[in-house]
Every structure is written in C-alpha cells, then in structure tokens.
Amino acid sequence: MNHNESVLKKLYEEIIERVGVGIHAVNRDGKTIIYNKKMREMEVMDKEDVLHKDVREIFQFQENQSSTLLDSLKNGEEIVNVKQTYFNNRGVEITSVNGTFPLIIDGSICAAVEMATDVTRIERLMRQNRRQTKLDYRFEHIIGESSELKEVVAFAKRATRTNSNVLIIGETGTGKELFAQSIHAESERSSAPFITQNCAALPDTLIEGILFGTTKGAFTGAIDNPGLFEQAQGGTLLLDELNSLNIALQAKLLRVLQEKKIRRIGGSKEISVDVRVIATVNEDPIDAIANNRLRKDLYYRLAVVTLFIPPLRERNGDIPVLIEEFIRKYNQLFRLNVKCVSDEVLKFFEFQSWLGNVRELEHVIEASMNLINHEQVIQFEHLPYQYRKSNMKKTNPSEALIESSRNISGNSLAEQLANFEKQTIESYLNKHHYHITNTASALGISRQSLQYRMKRLDIKVPRN
C-alpha cells in the first residue's frame, strides 16, 4: 500500500469513527468488522464487546423481531428507516431507526452495513406518556384544617362542574398536582385519561414532539406518534411548571387552546382535540410575565379558574395534622410505633419557613423516623443534621422560639406576614421617593410585581 492509499484508508477510518450516526458492519458470517464510536455510545458497549463477534451471540431482539443487519445480509436487500427495539449484552433496551444495505461484489453478498439513529429516549418518553397517570389523589386526601386551605379546596371543587382551563399557582411542594388530580377525579371527565407532563423535565427539542406528536419523516428518526393532546382526548392534560416551557412553544400551546386543534410535527393534517388543560406555575405569574417566562395572552387563556395554593408557612395551623398523617404513613412503612413529636420539635416546626412546603415537612418526618429505634416520640436530636445545625448556636431551641413569640400579636400568621410585607414595601418606597422602578430594583422584584403587591396591600402613592 502506497502513502496516498494509506492516508486515504486512515481518513476513511477517522470519518467512520467520528460521524454522528451509528455505523455497524458485519461480514458474510455475521461477525462485526466495523463498530464506530456513535454506535458504542448508543448501545452502551465497548468495542471489545462486539468487534469480531457474532451479532446473534451479543444482542437479543423482541419477540417477532430479528436483526435488520442480519436480514439485509441474508436477503441481499436494502432496508430503509425501520424502527428496531433490542437489548445489549447487559439487558439494556435500545431503540433505533435503521437504514441497512448489503455489500455485493461480483454477485456475492460480502457484508452488510447499518446506519442507525438513536431514538431510545424519545421512545421511552412516548411510552411513558401513553400510560394514563394513575389517580392517587382526591379531595379527601388534601390534609389541613386551616381556613386558608379550606377556601382553596372549596374553589377547586367548584371547578369540577365545568370544563374551563385551570391555572394552579403555588410554591414547590404545596401539592399542586394533588389538586389537579382531585379536580379531574370529580369532574365529568373522570373516566377519560389524566395525563401529566413536567415542562421543566425535557429539552425544547423533545417536548414539542411529545406535546403535539410527530409524523414519520419529519426529522431523522421521526416516527408516527400521537402527542399528549391526542393521548388525553376527552380527558385532562396537566402541564406542570408551565413557566419553564419555551416561549415559542407557549405560542403554539395558545393556538391549540384557542382552536382546539393540533398539528403533528411534520404533518399537514389538523386534528381536533377535546382536552381540558390544567397548568401549574411555581412563581408569581406577574413576575413570570415580566421576566418573559410566561406569555401574558396564554396566562389569561389559562387563568379562567385560578387557584392560589398557600405555602405551609401561611397555614402553620395545619402542621400538627400533617405531622400526624406522615407519622402514620411511615409507621406502616417502617414498622414503627411512633406516637408524636415532642413539644420542642412542634414549636421548632411552627417557626420554620418551610421553603419546600408540605413535601419538605414530610421528608423531615421520614428522615427523623429513620433515626428512631424503639422510641415513641420524635425528639429534637432525631431531626436531620441541617435542622439541628440551624439551632446549634442557641443552647435551648425553645428559648429562641419563646423570644421570637414575644413580638407576635394576636393576629394570624398570614396577617402578620402581610403587615410585614406592607411595612417593608412602604419603607423602600419612602426611601426611593416612591420611584417605582428604583424601589422594585432595590427589592429585587419587577415593576409589575411591585405594582401588583401595592394594589393587593392597598398601598397608596401620596399626592404632592
């Protein structure tokens, strides 16, 4: 082999190794002779696992399926854009769309080559979304006796009588999906699918196809697949963390809500859909709109029924009943006999900010019960380290709580927080001579959010 041929051979090898599609070639005996980097990544295998070995000894195929690579080798025919699901030598499932062709020299089949596009993740997500979400919750599972929570439950129950879209606003861990499931379960759509999708869990390149579906040939590896709107036909679609959805996709979602029709990616046919949309956001929608995370027109379209789920710190009267429920739950799971938390722990809980809300409280109870042996009361020393650490500087945690309580009037916690918020905003407004933009900047919020809060708290700008 001369120098030019050697360079050319090396160039071909580098191209095969670096190209962005999987390449797998076998000789006439079905043994692997080429297995490039992309293919190794797709199949989660090393070159040594596959090279010079019989494909039939390494991969397993689903019932009624065989290797497209071996089929092409056997029949001498080209196979175009065929989806194939199979398993590697460790049982990991792989799904790819393959283009396969035989290499024929002097009338004899000498080898076969397959070029594969990995659609494992898309296929898995589509399969998961095709499963109707199990309804675990109804209104009776919403725990709490506070007036704040009961008011939201009453509003949510009224929403079961109509098919209007619903927007649920609440911090992480407040139970937004619990409310969504409950609304669906008691509505006339209860016998139809309830399907959920977290908008923050997927990249933009995937979520459009998942929402609206795909048409075969729309892009490399695309197959005919119904989107979530088609899957939820007649039922309810929950779009969790809608404010994480790309603004361009929000525009397409708005069109679907207005016209009640969807068009799959790559398709020309419009498909009518009858779906009730429940969306959740985990921040003040005014802030989300101001910061271009939520379209104003989409907000108004969805907020036909709006539920504000209060954070746990605004309904800490519910903490004792929540503790009781979580202790009961983990007593069953852990086979313990815990009765309650100590007075010291209860006081500590009542003065926590609970940024993770009900979910955080549940995790604290679960973690504490993991440290229990045969005790029947959760003591302060059973709490997770980060909670104990927050109070280490105080010799007695209760003393700090008692000291804090001296400044508390007979008002409810919600009233106290509202008063504090009003006093803070008024102080900043006065400091900045009631200049809205400068005050909002100093507070770290948007102009719209400040104006919204001023209106809610009845803060007036004095006349000159």
Protein backbone atom coordinates (compact mmCIF):
# COMPACT_ATOMS: atom_id res chain seq x y z
CA MET A 1 0.00 0.00 0.00
CA ASN A 2 1.49 3.35 -1.07
CA HIS A 3 1.47 6.52 1.02
CA ASN A 4 -1.64 8.03 -0.61
CA GLU A 5 -3.63 4.82 -0.12
CA SER A 6 -2.50 4.67 3.49
CA VAL A 7 -3.63 8.27 4.11
CA LEU A 8 -6.94 7.62 2.38
CA LYS A 9 -7.55 4.46 4.46
CA LYS A 10 -6.79 6.37 7.66
CA LEU A 11 -9.12 9.16 6.57
CA TYR A 12 -11.97 6.71 5.95
CA GLU A 13 -11.43 5.15 9.37
CA GLU A 14 -11.50 8.56 11.08
CA ILE A 15 -14.66 9.60 9.25
CA ILE A 16 -16.43 6.38 10.23
CA GLU A 17 -15.31 6.79 13.83
CA ARG A 18 -16.33 10.43 14.16
CA VAL A 19 -19.55 10.59 12.11
CA GLY A 20 -22.72 11.46 14.09
CA VAL A 21 -24.68 8.29 13.26
CA GLY A 22 -24.10 4.77 14.48
CA ILE A 23 -22.34 2.50 11.98
CA HIS A 24 -22.22 -1.26 12.40
CA ALA A 25 -20.94 -3.60 9.69
CA VAL A 26 -20.74 -7.40 9.64
CA ASN A 27 -19.00 -9.81 7.30
CA ARG A 28 -20.71 -12.65 5.45
CA ASP A 29 -20.63 -14.78 8.63
CA GLY A 30 -22.47 -12.18 10.70
CA LYS A 31 -19.39 -11.15 12.67
CA THR A 32 -18.74 -7.49 13.36
CA ILE A 33 -15.99 -5.79 11.36
CA ILE A 34 -16.89 -2.11 11.93
CA TYR A 35 -18.38 -0.67 15.12
CA ASN A 36 -17.96 3.09 15.43
CA LYS A 37 -17.98 5.42 18.43
CA LYS A 38 -21.56 6.65 17.99
CA MET A 39 -22.83 3.07 17.86
CA ARG A 40 -20.91 2.20 21.01
CA GLU A 41 -22.49 5.17 22.79
CA MET A 42 -25.97 4.19 21.63
CA GLU A 43 -25.62 0.58 22.71
CA VAL A 44 -23.60 1.35 25.88
CA MET A 45 -20.95 -1.19 24.94
CA ASP A 46 -17.20 -1.27 24.36
CA LYS A 47 -15.56 -2.15 21.05
CA GLU A 48 -14.14 -5.34 22.60
CA ASP A 49 -17.68 -6.50 23.47
CA VAL A 50 -18.76 -6.57 19.83
CA LEU A 51 -15.86 -6.50 17.36
CA HIS A 52 -15.18 -9.84 15.60
CA LYS A 53 -18.11 -11.47 17.41
CA ASP A 54 -21.36 -12.91 16.06
CA VAL A 55 -24.24 -10.41 16.38
CA ARG A 56 -26.61 -13.24 17.40
CA GLU A 57 -24.47 -14.04 20.44
CA ILE A 58 -24.46 -10.46 21.75
CA PHE A 59 -27.85 -8.87 21.10
CA GLN A 60 -31.34 -10.06 21.92
CA PHE A 61 -34.41 -8.98 19.99
CA GLN A 62 -38.06 -8.60 20.87
CA GLU A 63 -40.47 -11.37 20.01
CA ASN A 64 -41.29 -11.48 16.29
CA GLN A 65 -38.30 -9.23 15.53
CA SER A 66 -34.89 -10.03 14.15
CA SER A 67 -31.73 -8.09 13.39
CA THR A 68 -32.21 -5.79 10.40
CA LEU A 69 -28.46 -6.11 9.84
CA LEU A 70 -28.67 -9.89 9.52
CA ASP A 71 -31.88 -9.68 7.47
CA SER A 72 -30.13 -7.48 4.93
CA LEU A 73 -27.14 -9.83 4.90
CA LYS A 74 -29.37 -12.86 4.37
CA ASN A 75 -31.76 -11.46 1.75
CA GLY A 76 -29.42 -9.07 -0.03
CA GLU A 77 -31.99 -6.27 0.18
CA GLU A 78 -31.80 -2.70 1.40
CA ILE A 79 -33.90 -1.86 4.46
CA VAL A 80 -34.89 1.80 4.83
CA ASN A 81 -35.94 3.64 8.01
CA VAL A 82 -37.08 0.70 10.10
CA LYS A 83 -37.53 1.13 13.85
CA GLN A 84 -35.99 -1.67 15.88
CA THR A 85 -36.00 -2.36 19.63
CA TYR A 86 -33.43 -4.78 21.05
CA PHE A 87 -31.25 -5.42 24.11
CA ASN A 88 -27.48 -5.31 24.59
CA ASN A 89 -25.42 -7.93 26.46
CA ARG A 90 -26.47 -6.44 29.84
CA GLY A 91 -30.16 -6.33 29.04
CA VAL A 92 -30.29 -2.57 28.39
CA GLU A 93 -33.10 -1.72 25.98
CA ILE A 94 -32.17 0.24 22.85
CA THR A 95 -34.45 1.63 20.14
CA SER A 96 -33.09 2.90 16.85
CA VAL A 97 -34.23 3.79 13.36
CA ASN A 98 -32.01 1.95 10.91
CA GLY A 99 -31.01 2.18 7.28
CA THR A 100 -29.31 -1.07 6.23
CA PHE A 101 -27.80 -2.26 2.94
CA PRO A 102 -25.81 -5.27 1.74
CA LEU A 103 -22.40 -5.01 0.11
CA ILE A 104 -22.49 -7.10 -3.09
CA ILE A 105 -19.30 -7.81 -5.06
CA ASP A 106 -19.35 -9.93 -8.23
CA GLY A 107 -22.87 -11.06 -7.42
CA SER A 108 -22.00 -12.30 -3.92
CA ILE A 109 -23.07 -10.77 -0.60
CA CYS A 110 -19.83 -9.99 1.22
CA ALA A 111 -21.03 -7.84 4.10
CA ALA A 112 -23.86 -5.69 5.40
CA VAL A 113 -23.74 -2.16 6.83
CA GLU A 114 -26.21 -0.49 9.14
CA MET A 115 -26.51 3.23 9.90
CA ALA A 116 -28.60 3.85 12.99
CA THR A 117 -30.19 6.87 14.68
CA ASP A 118 -30.81 6.55 18.41
CA VAL A 119 -34.44 7.17 19.41
CA THR A 120 -34.27 5.29 22.72
CA ARG A 121 -35.04 8.33 24.84
CA ILE A 122 -37.89 9.55 22.65
CA GLU A 123 -39.42 6.09 22.51
CA ARG A 124 -39.19 5.67 26.29
CA LEU A 125 -40.78 9.06 26.91
CA MET A 126 -43.55 8.41 24.42
CA ARG A 127 -44.24 5.05 26.02
CA GLN A 128 -44.36 6.57 29.49
CA ASN A 129 -46.68 9.32 28.38
CA ARG A 130 -49.00 6.88 26.65
CA ARG A 131 -49.68 5.34 30.05
CA GLN A 132 -52.53 7.10 31.77
CA THR A 133 -51.39 8.62 35.02
CA LYS A 134 -52.75 6.69 37.97
CA LEU A 135 -55.10 8.81 40.01
CA ASP A 136 -53.78 8.55 43.54
CA TYR A 137 -55.47 11.62 44.97
CA ARG A 138 -58.92 13.03 45.58
CA PHE A 139 -60.08 15.96 47.65
CA GLU A 140 -60.32 13.81 50.77
CA HIS A 141 -56.55 13.29 50.58
CA ILE A 142 -55.89 17.02 50.97
CA ILE A 143 -54.85 17.34 54.60
CA GLY A 144 -55.45 20.51 56.60
CA GLU A 145 -57.94 22.32 58.77
CA SER A 146 -56.87 25.91 58.18
CA SER A 147 -59.34 28.37 56.68
CA GLU A 148 -56.76 29.28 54.01
CA LEU A 149 -56.61 25.71 52.72
CA LYS A 150 -60.34 25.04 53.04
CA GLU A 151 -61.08 28.10 50.94
CA VAL A 152 -58.87 26.83 48.09
CA VAL A 153 -60.44 23.36 48.29
CA ALA A 154 -63.90 24.92 48.02
CA PHE A 155 -62.86 26.87 44.91
CA ALA A 156 -61.30 23.74 43.39
CA LYS A 157 -64.48 21.73 43.95
CA ARG A 158 -66.48 24.34 42.06
CA ALA A 159 -64.08 23.90 39.14
CA THR A 160 -65.16 20.26 38.79
CA ARG A 161 -68.54 21.38 37.44
CA THR A 162 -67.14 22.92 34.24
CA ASN A 163 -64.59 22.18 31.53
CA SER A 164 -62.77 25.50 31.84
CA ASN A 165 -58.98 25.55 31.91
CA VAL A 166 -57.38 25.88 35.33
CA LEU A 167 -54.17 27.61 36.46
CA ILE A 168 -52.76 26.46 39.80
CA ILE A 169 -50.22 28.79 41.40
CA GLY A 170 -48.09 27.65 44.29
CA GLU A 171 -44.56 27.14 45.51
CA THR A 172 -42.74 23.84 45.11
CA GLY A 173 -44.12 21.20 47.44
CA THR A 174 -47.52 22.77 48.13
CA GLY A 175 -49.47 19.96 46.43
CA LYS A 176 -50.43 21.42 43.06
CA GLU A 177 -50.69 18.02 41.34
CA LEU A 178 -52.84 16.75 44.21
CA PHE A 179 -55.36 19.50 43.45
CA ALA A 180 -55.18 18.81 39.70
CA GLN A 181 -55.85 15.09 40.15
CA SER A 182 -58.72 15.83 42.52
CA ILE A 183 -60.38 18.20 40.04
CA HIS A 184 -60.15 15.61 37.28
CA ALA A 185 -61.34 12.74 39.50
CA GLU A 186 -64.56 14.56 40.42
CA SER A 187 -65.28 16.03 37.01
CA GLU A 188 -67.33 14.57 34.18
CA ARG A 189 -64.01 13.65 32.52
CA SER A 190 -63.02 11.26 35.31
CA SER A 191 -63.42 8.15 33.13
CA ALA A 192 -61.15 9.61 30.43
CA PRO A 193 -57.33 9.86 30.59
CA PHE A 194 -55.49 12.10 33.03
CA ILE A 195 -52.00 12.69 31.62
CA THR A 196 -49.22 14.79 33.12
CA GLN A 197 -46.07 16.35 31.75
CA ASN A 198 -43.47 18.36 33.64
CA CYS A 199 -42.41 21.10 31.23
CA ALA A 200 -39.08 21.57 33.03
CA ALA A 201 -38.07 17.93 32.70
CA LEU A 202 -37.38 17.89 28.96
CA PRO A 203 -35.32 19.89 26.47
CA ASP A 204 -37.13 22.03 23.89
CA THR A 205 -36.06 19.67 21.11
CA LEU A 206 -38.12 16.85 22.63
CA ILE A 207 -41.10 18.46 24.30
CA GLU A 208 -42.72 19.84 21.16
CA GLY A 209 -42.95 16.35 19.67
CA ILE A 210 -44.22 14.96 22.97
CA LEU A 211 -46.94 17.58 23.25
CA PHE A 212 -48.16 17.64 19.66
CA GLY A 213 -46.92 14.34 18.21
CA THR A 214 -44.67 13.52 15.28
CA THR A 215 -45.10 12.38 11.69
CA LYS A 216 -42.82 9.81 10.07
CA GLY A 217 -40.04 11.51 8.15
CA ALA A 218 -40.42 14.89 9.87
CA PHE A 219 -36.81 14.59 11.02
CA THR A 220 -34.18 11.88 11.20
CA GLY A 221 -35.62 9.01 13.20
CA ALA A 222 -39.12 10.53 13.40
CA ILE A 223 -41.97 8.05 13.54
CA ASP A 224 -45.76 8.37 13.65
CA ASN A 225 -46.56 9.04 17.29
CA PRO A 226 -49.52 10.73 18.92
CA GLY A 227 -48.73 13.63 21.24
CA LEU A 228 -50.06 14.23 24.71
CA PHE A 229 -53.09 16.15 23.45
CA GLU A 230 -54.19 13.16 21.36
CA GLN A 231 -53.48 10.77 24.21
CA ALA A 232 -55.56 12.87 26.61
CA GLN A 233 -58.53 13.05 24.22
CA GLY A 234 -61.71 13.57 26.21
CA GLY A 235 -59.77 13.89 29.46
CA THR A 236 -57.36 16.22 31.22
CA LEU A 237 -53.78 17.23 30.46
CA LEU A 238 -51.71 18.60 33.36
CA LEU A 239 -48.81 20.80 32.26
CA ASP A 240 -46.61 21.14 35.34
CA GLU A 241 -44.22 24.10 35.67
CA LEU A 242 -45.62 25.79 32.58
CA ASN A 243 -43.36 28.80 33.18
CA SER A 244 -40.42 26.55 32.20
CA LEU A 245 -41.85 25.97 28.72
CA ASN A 246 -40.10 27.77 25.86
CA ILE A 247 -41.92 30.99 24.89
CA ALA A 248 -42.18 29.86 21.25
CA LEU A 249 -43.89 26.65 22.34
CA GLN A 250 -46.19 28.66 24.59
CA ALA A 251 -47.41 30.44 21.45
CA LYS A 252 -48.22 27.07 19.83
CA LEU A 253 -49.96 25.94 23.00
CA LEU A 254 -52.07 29.11 22.97
CA ARG A 255 -53.16 28.35 19.42
CA VAL A 256 -54.23 24.84 20.43
CA LEU A 257 -56.25 26.19 23.34
CA GLN A 258 -57.95 28.72 21.09
CA GLU A 259 -58.68 26.50 18.10
CA LYS A 260 -58.85 23.10 19.88
CA LYS A 261 -56.81 21.59 17.07
CA ILE A 262 -53.27 20.27 16.90
CA ARG A 263 -50.90 19.54 14.06
CA ARG A 264 -48.15 16.95 14.47
CA ILE A 265 -44.57 17.95 13.72
CA GLY A 266 -44.05 17.38 10.00
CA GLY A 267 -47.76 16.84 9.40
CA SER A 268 -50.24 18.88 7.39
CA LYS A 269 -53.45 17.47 8.85
CA GLU A 270 -55.17 19.26 11.71
CA ILE A 271 -56.58 17.01 14.40
CA SER A 272 -59.44 18.17 16.64
CA VAL A 273 -58.86 17.64 20.35
CA ASP A 274 -61.21 17.81 23.32
CA VAL A 275 -58.88 18.23 26.27
CA ARG A 276 -59.13 20.20 29.49
CA VAL A 277 -55.78 21.77 30.35
CA ILE A 278 -54.69 22.29 33.94
CA ALA A 279 -51.41 24.16 34.21
CA THR A 280 -49.24 24.91 37.23
CA VAL A 281 -46.64 27.60 37.87
CA ASN A 282 -44.31 27.76 40.86
CA GLU A 283 -43.87 31.53 40.96
CA ASP A 284 -45.93 34.70 40.94
CA PRO A 285 -47.35 34.84 37.37
CA ILE A 286 -46.83 38.62 37.34
CA ASP A 287 -43.09 38.02 37.83
CA ALA A 288 -43.11 35.26 35.22
CA ILE A 289 -44.75 37.54 32.65
CA ALA A 290 -42.44 40.45 33.48
CA ASN A 291 -39.36 38.23 33.04
CA ASN A 292 -40.59 36.71 29.76
CA ARG A 293 -41.14 33.25 31.24
CA LEU A 294 -44.89 33.28 30.65
CA ARG A 295 -46.88 34.81 27.80
CA LYS A 296 -49.50 37.26 29.02
CA ASP A 297 -52.08 36.05 26.48
CA LEU A 298 -51.50 32.43 27.48
CA TYR A 299 -51.87 33.38 31.15
CA TYR A 300 -55.27 34.96 30.52
CA ARG A 301 -56.37 32.00 28.42
CA LEU A 302 -55.45 29.51 31.15
CA ALA A 303 -56.45 31.53 34.20
CA VAL A 304 -60.19 31.11 33.65
CA VAL A 305 -60.10 29.36 37.02
CA THR A 306 -57.14 30.34 39.18
CA LEU A 307 -56.17 28.58 42.40
CA PHE A 308 -53.53 30.02 44.73
CA ILE A 309 -52.21 27.22 46.97
CA PRO A 310 -50.97 28.85 50.19
CA PRO A 311 -47.45 27.95 51.33
CA LEU A 312 -47.14 25.99 54.56
CA ARG A 313 -45.74 28.97 56.46
CA GLU A 314 -49.05 30.76 55.87
CA ARG A 315 -51.09 27.91 57.29
CA ASN A 316 -48.88 26.51 60.01
CA GLY A 317 -52.00 25.54 61.95
CA ASP A 318 -52.05 22.56 59.57
CA ILE A 319 -48.62 21.37 60.72
CA PRO A 320 -49.92 19.15 63.59
CA VAL A 321 -52.39 17.28 61.37
CA LEU A 322 -49.77 16.87 58.64
CA ILE A 323 -47.29 15.51 61.19
CA GLU A 324 -49.88 13.03 62.41
CA GLU A 325 -50.56 11.82 58.86
CA PHE A 326 -46.88 11.45 57.99
CA ILE A 327 -46.13 9.58 61.21
CA ARG A 328 -48.99 7.19 60.44
CA LYS A 329 -47.67 6.65 56.91
CA TYR A 330 -44.08 5.91 57.94
CA ASN A 331 -45.11 3.80 60.93
CA GLN A 332 -46.67 1.43 58.39
CA LEU A 333 -43.70 1.55 56.03
CA PHE A 334 -41.00 1.23 58.71
CA ARG A 335 -42.98 -0.95 61.15
CA LEU A 336 -42.53 1.52 63.99
CA ASN A 337 -44.82 2.73 66.72
CA VAL A 338 -44.10 6.46 66.87
CA LYS A 339 -46.89 8.43 68.54
CA CYS A 340 -45.98 12.08 68.04
CA VAL A 341 -43.26 14.74 68.04
CA SER A 342 -42.11 16.44 71.23
CA ASP A 343 -43.41 19.90 72.20
CA GLU A 344 -39.94 21.27 71.49
CA VAL A 345 -39.97 19.86 67.95
CA LEU A 346 -43.52 21.07 67.32
CA LYS A 347 -42.59 24.63 68.34
CA PHE A 348 -39.49 24.43 66.16
CA PHE A 349 -41.59 23.29 63.18
CA GLU A 350 -44.13 26.08 63.66
CA PHE A 351 -41.41 28.72 63.24
CA GLN A 352 -39.70 27.19 60.20
CA SER A 353 -40.02 28.93 56.84
CA TRP A 354 -40.63 25.57 55.02
CA LEU A 355 -39.37 26.68 51.62
CA GLY A 356 -40.10 23.15 50.40
CA ASN A 357 -43.56 23.29 51.99
CA VAL A 358 -45.52 20.11 52.73
CA ARG A 359 -43.05 17.97 50.81
CA GLU A 360 -40.19 19.27 52.96
CA LEU A 361 -42.10 18.57 56.17
CA GLU A 362 -42.79 15.02 55.03
CA HIS A 363 -39.11 14.47 54.22
CA VAL A 364 -38.11 15.72 57.68
CA ILE A 365 -40.54 13.30 59.37
CA GLU A 366 -39.30 10.42 57.18
CA ALA A 367 -35.65 11.25 57.89
CA SER A 368 -36.32 11.56 61.63
CA MET A 369 -38.08 8.21 61.76
CA ASN A 370 -35.08 6.61 60.08
CA LEU A 371 -33.11 7.53 63.24
CA ILE A 372 -35.73 6.11 65.62
CA ASN A 373 -35.06 2.79 67.35
CA HIS A 374 -37.84 1.96 69.78
CA GLU A 375 -38.76 5.48 70.90
CA GLN A 376 -42.34 6.63 70.51
CA VAL A 377 -41.69 10.38 70.37
CA ILE A 378 -39.61 12.24 67.78
CA GLN A 379 -37.17 14.39 69.74
CA PHE A 380 -35.02 17.29 68.56
CA GLU A 381 -31.95 15.01 68.29
CA HIS A 382 -33.82 12.83 65.77
CA LEU A 383 -34.15 15.69 63.28
CA PRO A 384 -31.85 15.78 60.22
CA TYR A 385 -28.49 17.43 60.85
CA GLN A 386 -29.17 20.59 58.83
CA TYR A 387 -32.19 21.39 61.02
CA ARG A 388 -30.33 20.72 64.25
CA LYS A 389 -27.39 22.78 62.97
CA SER A 390 -29.62 25.79 62.32
CA ASN A 391 -30.30 25.95 66.04
CA MET A 392 -26.91 24.91 67.42
CA LYS A 393 -25.99 28.46 68.40
CA LYS A 394 -28.94 28.51 70.77
CA THR A 395 -28.44 26.47 73.95
CA ASN A 396 -32.15 25.79 74.08
CA PRO A 397 -34.13 25.84 70.82
CA SER A 398 -37.33 26.61 72.68
CA GLU A 399 -35.83 29.74 74.22
CA ALA A 400 -35.27 31.30 70.83
CA LEU A 401 -38.82 30.46 69.85
CA ILE A 402 -40.22 31.97 73.03
CA GLU A 403 -38.14 35.11 72.45
CA SER A 404 -39.46 35.34 68.89
CA SER A 405 -43.03 34.92 70.07
CA ARG A 406 -42.85 37.96 72.34
CA ASN A 407 -43.24 40.24 69.36
CA ILE A 408 -46.23 38.37 67.96
CA SER A 409 -49.67 39.84 68.41
CA GLY A 410 -52.95 38.00 68.42
CA ASN A 411 -53.19 38.24 64.64
CA SER A 412 -52.94 35.16 62.44
CA LEU A 413 -49.60 34.36 60.80
CA ALA A 414 -50.99 35.35 57.40
CA GLU A 415 -51.96 38.78 58.76
CA GLN A 416 -48.55 39.23 60.38
CA LEU A 417 -46.76 38.34 57.13
CA ALA A 418 -48.98 40.72 55.15
CA ASN A 419 -48.29 43.51 57.63
CA PHE A 420 -44.56 42.87 57.45
CA GLU A 421 -44.66 42.85 53.63
CA LYS A 422 -46.64 46.12 53.60
CA GLN A 423 -44.28 47.83 56.07
CA THR A 424 -41.23 46.71 54.08
CA ILE A 425 -42.60 47.94 50.76
CA GLU A 426 -43.71 51.26 52.27
CA SER A 427 -40.25 51.72 53.80
CA TYR A 428 -38.50 51.11 50.47
CA LEU A 429 -40.96 53.34 48.62
CA ASN A 430 -40.31 56.17 51.04
CA LYS A 431 -36.54 55.66 50.80
CA HIS A 432 -36.69 55.89 46.99
CA HIS A 433 -39.20 58.77 46.96
CA TYR A 434 -41.92 56.50 45.55
CA HIS A 435 -39.98 55.89 42.34
CA ILE A 436 -41.49 52.56 41.25
CA THR A 437 -38.59 51.34 39.09
CA ASN A 438 -35.91 52.14 41.67
CA THR A 439 -37.96 50.66 44.52
CA ALA A 440 -38.62 47.44 42.57
CA SER A 441 -34.91 47.14 41.75
CA ALA A 442 -33.95 47.62 45.41
CA LEU A 443 -36.47 44.97 46.48
CA GLY A 444 -35.25 42.57 43.77
CA ILE A 445 -38.64 42.27 42.07
CA SER A 446 -40.14 43.54 38.81
CA ARG A 447 -42.12 46.78 38.38
CA GLN A 448 -45.24 44.76 37.60
CA SER A 449 -44.81 42.63 40.71
CA LEU A 450 -44.35 45.72 42.90
CA GLN A 451 -47.44 47.36 41.44
CA TYR A 452 -49.40 44.14 41.90
CA ARG A 453 -48.34 43.93 45.58
CA MET A 454 -49.10 47.61 46.19
CA LYS A 455 -52.61 47.10 44.85
CA ARG A 456 -53.11 43.92 46.90
CA LEU A 457 -51.85 45.56 50.10
CA ASP A 458 -53.69 48.84 49.42
CA ILE A 459 -50.51 50.95 49.40
CA LYS A 460 -51.18 54.42 48.06
CA VAL A 461 -48.71 56.82 46.47
CA PRO A 462 -49.05 60.15 48.30
CA ARG A 463 -50.03 63.17 46.25
CA ASN A 464 -47.59 66.04 46.05
